[in-house]
Amino acid sequence: WGGTPSGGDDEIGFSITQTSDDGF
């Protein structure tokens, strides 16, 4: 992912979980 809703371009992920619909 590049770019943000506010137009920036720095992204950091802290956590993730799998959901019951097989997504994340």
PDB file of all heavy atoms in Angstrom:
ATOM      1  N   TRP A   1       0.852  -1.187   0.000  1.00  0.00           N
ATOM      2  CA  TRP A   1       0.000   0.000   0.000  1.00  0.00           C
ATOM      3  C   TRP A   1       0.886   1.234   0.000  1.00  0.00           C
ATOM      4  O   TRP A   1       1.793   1.367   0.815  1.00  0.00           O
ATOM      5  CB  TRP A   1      -0.912   0.036   1.220  1.00  0.00           C
ATOM      6  CG  TRP A   1      -2.060  -0.915   1.131  1.00  0.00           C
ATOM      7  CD1 TRP A   1      -3.292  -0.688   0.586  1.00  0.00           C
ATOM      8  CD2 TRP A   1      -2.076  -2.277   1.585  1.00  0.00           C
ATOM      9  NE1 TRP A   1      -4.069  -1.812   0.674  1.00  0.00           N
ATOM     10  CE2 TRP A   1      -3.358  -2.806   1.284  1.00  0.00           C
ATOM     11  CE3 TRP A   1      -1.135  -3.098   2.210  1.00  0.00           C
ATOM     12  CZ2 TRP A   1      -3.716  -4.106   1.596  1.00  0.00           C
ATOM     13  CZ3 TRP A   1      -1.486  -4.395   2.523  1.00  0.00           C
ATOM     14  CH2 TRP A   1      -2.765  -4.890   2.208  1.00  0.00           C
ATOM     15  N   GLY A   2       0.613   2.142  -0.912  1.00  0.00           N
ATOM     16  CA  GLY A   2       1.294   3.421  -0.953  1.00  0.00           C
ATOM     17  C   GLY A   2       0.262   4.526  -1.043  1.00  0.00           C
ATOM     18  O   GLY A   2      -0.789   4.375  -1.658  1.00  0.00           O
ATOM     19  N   GLY A   3       0.538   5.637  -0.383  1.00  0.00           N
ATOM     20  CA  GLY A   3      -0.458   6.707  -0.323  1.00  0.00           C
ATOM     21  C   GLY A   3      -1.438   6.449   0.803  1.00  0.00           C
ATOM     22  O   GLY A   3      -1.575   5.336   1.287  1.00  0.00           O
ATOM     23  N   THR A   4      -2.110   7.472   1.240  1.00  0.00           N
ATOM     24  CA  THR A   4      -3.024   7.379   2.367  1.00  0.00           C
ATOM     25  C   THR A   4      -4.285   8.158   2.056  1.00  0.00           C
ATOM     26  O   THR A   4      -4.348   8.929   1.100  1.00  0.00           O
ATOM     27  CB  THR A   4      -2.397   7.984   3.649  1.00  0.00           C
ATOM     28  OG1 THR A   4      -2.383   9.401   3.505  1.00  0.00           O
ATOM     29  CG2 THR A   4      -0.974   7.492   3.858  1.00  0.00           C
ATOM     30  N   PRO A   5      -5.332   7.987   2.889  1.00  0.00           N
ATOM     31  CA  PRO A   5      -6.540   8.785   2.685  1.00  0.00           C
ATOM     32  C   PRO A   5      -6.287  10.288   2.709  1.00  0.00           C
ATOM     33  O   PRO A   5      -7.029  11.055   2.114  1.00  0.00           O
ATOM     34  CB  PRO A   5      -7.447   8.349   3.842  1.00  0.00           C
ATOM     35  CG  PRO A   5      -7.006   6.952   4.152  1.00  0.00           C
ATOM     36  CD  PRO A   5      -5.514   6.961   3.937  1.00  0.00           C
ATOM     37  N   SER A   6      -5.220  10.718   3.431  1.00  0.00           N
ATOM     38  CA  SER A   6      -4.950  12.157   3.507  1.00  0.00           C
ATOM     39  C   SER A   6      -3.853  12.594   2.542  1.00  0.00           C
ATOM     40  O   SER A   6      -3.407  13.724   2.583  1.00  0.00           O
ATOM     41  CB  SER A   6      -4.534  12.527   4.939  1.00  0.00           C
ATOM     42  OG  SER A   6      -3.362  11.826   5.309  1.00  0.00           O
ATOM     43  N   GLY A   7      -3.387  11.651   1.702  1.00  0.00           N
ATOM     44  CA  GLY A   7      -2.423  12.025   0.683  1.00  0.00           C
ATOM     45  C   GLY A   7      -0.974  11.792   1.036  1.00  0.00           C
ATOM     46  O   GLY A   7      -0.085  12.105   0.257  1.00  0.00           O
ATOM     47  N   GLY A   8      -0.682  11.241   2.220  1.00  0.00           N
ATOM     48  CA  GLY A   8       0.695  10.973   2.611  1.00  0.00           C
ATOM     49  C   GLY A   8       1.185   9.665   2.024  1.00  0.00           C
ATOM     50  O   GLY A   8       0.509   9.000   1.255  1.00  0.00           O
ATOM     51  N   ASP A   9       2.408   9.288   2.389  1.00  0.00           N
ATOM     52  CA  ASP A   9       2.943   8.083   1.779  1.00  0.00           C
ATOM     53  C   ASP A   9       3.772   7.236   2.739  1.00  0.00           C
ATOM     54  O   ASP A   9       4.611   6.456   2.306  1.00  0.00           O
ATOM     55  CB  ASP A   9       3.767   8.429   0.542  1.00  0.00           C
ATOM     56  CG  ASP A   9       4.884   9.417   0.827  1.00  0.00           C
ATOM     57  OD1 ASP A   9       5.116   9.721   2.015  1.00  0.00           O
ATOM     58  OD2 ASP A   9       5.512   9.870  -0.131  1.00  0.00           O
ATOM     59  N   ASP A  10       3.606   7.392   4.049  1.00  0.00           N
ATOM     60  CA  ASP A  10       4.285   6.565   5.037  1.00  0.00           C
ATOM     61  C   ASP A  10       3.280   5.615   5.668  1.00  0.00           C
ATOM     62  O   ASP A  10       2.258   6.050   6.215  1.00  0.00           O
ATOM     63  CB  ASP A  10       4.915   7.423   6.138  1.00  0.00           C
ATOM     64  CG  ASP A  10       6.059   8.286   5.607  1.00  0.00           C
ATOM     65  OD1 ASP A  10       6.716   7.826   4.659  1.00  0.00           O
ATOM     66  OD2 ASP A  10       6.272   9.373   6.147  1.00  0.00           O
ATOM     67  N   GLU A  11       3.558   4.302   5.604  1.00  0.00           N
ATOM     68  CA  GLU A  11       2.643   3.316   6.153  1.00  0.00           C
ATOM     69  C   GLU A  11       3.420   2.339   7.029  1.00  0.00           C
ATOM     70  O   GLU A  11       4.491   1.866   6.624  1.00  0.00           O
ATOM     71  CB  GLU A  11       1.923   2.523   5.062  1.00  0.00           C
ATOM     72  CG  GLU A  11       1.232   3.361   4.010  1.00  0.00           C
ATOM     73  CD  GLU A  11       2.155   3.751   2.892  1.00  0.00           C
ATOM     74  OE1 GLU A  11       3.036   2.963   2.534  1.00  0.00           O
ATOM     75  OE2 GLU A  11       2.007   4.885   2.387  1.00  0.00           O
ATOM     76  N   ILE A  12       2.892   2.039   8.196  1.00  0.00           N
ATOM     77  CA  ILE A  12       3.506   1.072   9.103  1.00  0.00           C
ATOM     78  C   ILE A  12       2.411   0.134   9.597  1.00  0.00           C
ATOM     79  O   ILE A  12       1.355   0.588  10.036  1.00  0.00           O
ATOM     80  CB  ILE A  12       4.174   1.759  10.313  1.00  0.00           C
ATOM     81  CG1 ILE A  12       5.237   2.753   9.843  1.00  0.00           C
ATOM     82  CG2 ILE A  12       4.795   0.725  11.245  1.00  0.00           C
ATOM     83  CD1 ILE A  12       5.806   3.606  10.955  1.00  0.00           C
ATOM     84  N   GLY A  13       2.644  -1.174   9.539  1.00  0.00           N
ATOM     85  CA  GLY A  13       1.709  -2.144  10.087  1.00  0.00           C
ATOM     86  C   GLY A  13       2.159  -2.603  11.464  1.00  0.00           C
ATOM     87  O   GLY A  13       3.335  -2.912  11.671  1.00  0.00           O
ATOM     88  N   PHE A  14       1.230  -2.638  12.431  1.00  0.00           N
ATOM     89  CA  PHE A  14       1.542  -3.051  13.792  1.00  0.00           C
ATOM     90  C   PHE A  14       0.998  -4.434  14.141  1.00  0.00           C
ATOM     91  O   PHE A  14       1.591  -5.160  14.929  1.00  0.00           O
ATOM     92  CB  PHE A  14       0.971  -2.038  14.805  1.00  0.00           C
ATOM     93  CG  PHE A  14       1.729  -0.748  14.880  1.00  0.00           C
ATOM     94  CD1 PHE A  14       1.058   0.459  14.776  1.00  0.00           C
ATOM     95  CD2 PHE A  14       3.100  -0.730  15.050  1.00  0.00           C
ATOM     96  CE1 PHE A  14       1.744   1.658  14.850  1.00  0.00           C
ATOM     97  CE2 PHE A  14       3.795   0.463  15.120  1.00  0.00           C
ATOM     98  CZ  PHE A  14       3.117   1.668  15.020  1.00  0.00           C
ATOM     99  N   SER A  15      -0.163  -4.800  13.583  1.00  0.00           N
ATOM    100  CA  SER A  15      -0.815  -6.042  13.997  1.00  0.00           C
ATOM    101  C   SER A  15      -1.709  -6.550  12.882  1.00  0.00           C
ATOM    102  O   SER A  15      -2.137  -5.782  12.010  1.00  0.00           O
ATOM    103  CB  SER A  15      -1.639  -5.811  15.280  1.00  0.00           C
ATOM    104  OG  SER A  15      -2.584  -4.768  15.087  1.00  0.00           O
ATOM    105  N   ILE A  16      -1.999  -7.855  12.933  1.00  0.00           N
ATOM    106  CA  ILE A  16      -2.865  -8.463  11.931  1.00  0.00           C
ATOM    107  C   ILE A  16      -3.569  -9.662  12.546  1.00  0.00           C
ATOM    108  O   ILE A  16      -3.018 -10.346  13.413  1.00  0.00           O
ATOM    109  CB  ILE A  16      -2.048  -8.889  10.677  1.00  0.00           C
ATOM    110  CG1 ILE A  16      -2.976  -9.371   9.555  1.00  0.00           C
ATOM    111  CG2 ILE A  16      -1.004  -9.930  11.029  1.00  0.00           C
ATOM    112  CD1 ILE A  16      -2.253  -9.576   8.223  1.00  0.00           C
ATOM    113  N   THR A  17      -4.799  -9.903  12.124  1.00  0.00           N
ATOM    114  CA  THR A  17      -5.525 -11.099  12.531  1.00  0.00           C
ATOM    115  C   THR A  17      -6.346 -11.592  11.349  1.00  0.00           C
ATOM    116  O   THR A  17      -6.788 -10.798  10.509  1.00  0.00           O
ATOM    117  CB  THR A  17      -6.435 -10.823  13.743  1.00  0.00           C
ATOM    118  OG1 THR A  17      -6.932 -12.053  14.263  1.00  0.00           O
ATOM    119  CG2 THR A  17      -7.611  -9.922  13.388  1.00  0.00           C
ATOM    120  N   GLN A  18      -6.524 -12.919  11.266  1.00  0.00           N
ATOM    121  CA  GLN A  18      -7.391 -13.464  10.233  1.00  0.00           C
ATOM    122  C   GLN A  18      -8.830 -13.425  10.715  1.00  0.00           C
ATOM    123  O   GLN A  18      -9.112 -13.690  11.886  1.00  0.00           O
ATOM    124  CB  GLN A  18      -6.998 -14.890   9.851  1.00  0.00           C
ATOM    125  CG  GLN A  18      -7.771 -15.400   8.637  1.00  0.00           C
ATOM    126  CD  GLN A  18      -7.106 -16.573   7.943  1.00  0.00           C
ATOM    127  OE1 GLN A  18      -6.383 -17.330   8.560  1.00  0.00           O
ATOM    128  NE2 GLN A  18      -7.360 -16.709   6.642  1.00  0.00           N
ATOM    129  N   THR A  19      -9.742 -13.094   9.824  1.00  0.00           N
ATOM    130  CA  THR A  19     -11.149 -12.924  10.177  1.00  0.00           C
ATOM    131  C   THR A  19     -11.961 -14.142   9.754  1.00  0.00           C
ATOM    132  O   THR A  19     -11.507 -14.977   8.980  1.00  0.00           O
ATOM    133  CB  THR A  19     -11.702 -11.652   9.522  1.00  0.00           C
ATOM    134  OG1 THR A  19     -11.471 -11.707   8.113  1.00  0.00           O
ATOM    135  CG2 THR A  19     -11.004 -10.411  10.078  1.00  0.00           C
ATOM    136  N   SER A  20     -13.182 -14.225  10.276  1.00  0.00           N
ATOM    137  CA  SER A  20     -14.010 -15.405  10.052  1.00  0.00           C
ATOM    138  C   SER A  20     -14.442 -15.572   8.593  1.00  0.00           C
ATOM    139  O   SER A  20     -14.851 -16.662   8.194  1.00  0.00           O
ATOM    140  CB  SER A  20     -15.251 -15.344  10.954  1.00  0.00           C
ATOM    141  OG  SER A  20     -15.986 -14.152  10.722  1.00  0.00           O
ATOM    142  N   ASP A  21     -14.352 -14.501   7.791  1.00  0.00           N
ATOM    143  CA  ASP A  21     -14.672 -14.611   6.366  1.00  0.00           C
ATOM    144  C   ASP A  21     -13.450 -14.967   5.533  1.00  0.00           C
ATOM    145  O   ASP A  21     -13.456 -14.850   4.313  1.00  0.00           O
ATOM    146  CB  ASP A  21     -15.311 -13.325   5.853  1.00  0.00           C
ATOM    147  CG  ASP A  21     -14.384 -12.119   5.975  1.00  0.00           C
ATOM    148  OD1 ASP A  21     -13.246 -12.274   6.473  1.00  0.00           O
ATOM    149  OD2 ASP A  21     -14.789 -11.018   5.560  1.00  0.00           O
ATOM    150  N   ASP A  22     -12.371 -15.389   6.221  1.00  0.00           N
ATOM    151  CA  ASP A  22     -11.121 -15.809   5.588  1.00  0.00           C
ATOM    152  C   ASP A  22     -10.282 -14.642   5.100  1.00  0.00           C
ATOM    153  O   ASP A  22      -9.282 -14.841   4.398  1.00  0.00           O
ATOM    154  CB  ASP A  22     -11.372 -16.789   4.433  1.00  0.00           C
ATOM    155  CG  ASP A  22     -10.232 -17.778   4.245  1.00  0.00           C
ATOM    156  OD1 ASP A  22      -9.558 -18.101   5.249  1.00  0.00           O
ATOM    157  OD2 ASP A  22      -9.998 -18.214   3.103  1.00  0.00           O
ATOM    158  N   GLY A  23     -10.677 -13.424   5.466  1.00  0.00           N
ATOM    159  CA  GLY A  23      -9.869 -12.260   5.135  1.00  0.00           C
ATOM    160  C   GLY A  23      -8.929 -11.917   6.278  1.00  0.00           C
ATOM    161  O   GLY A  23      -8.642 -12.748   7.152  1.00  0.00           O
ATOM    162  N   PHE A  24      -8.479 -10.653   6.299  1.00  0.00           N
ATOM    163  CA  PHE A  24      -7.544 -10.203   7.330  1.00  0.00           C
ATOM    164  C   PHE A  24      -7.908  -8.787   7.767  1.00  0.00           C
ATOM    165  O   PHE A  24      -8.456  -8.005   6.985  1.00  0.00           O
ATOM    166  CB  PHE A  24      -6.102 -10.218   6.808  1.00  0.00           C
ATOM    167  CG  PHE A  24      -5.604 -11.584   6.453  1.00  0.00           C
ATOM    168  CD1 PHE A  24      -5.725 -12.062   5.150  1.00  0.00           C
ATOM    169  CD2 PHE A  24      -5.038 -12.402   7.418  1.00  0.00           C
ATOM    170  CE1 PHE A  24      -5.276 -13.323   4.810  1.00  0.00           C
ATOM    171  CE2 PHE A  24      -4.585 -13.680   7.085  1.00  0.00           C
ATOM    172  CZ  PHE A  24      -4.704 -14.142   5.782  1.00  0.00           C
TER     173      PHE A  24
END
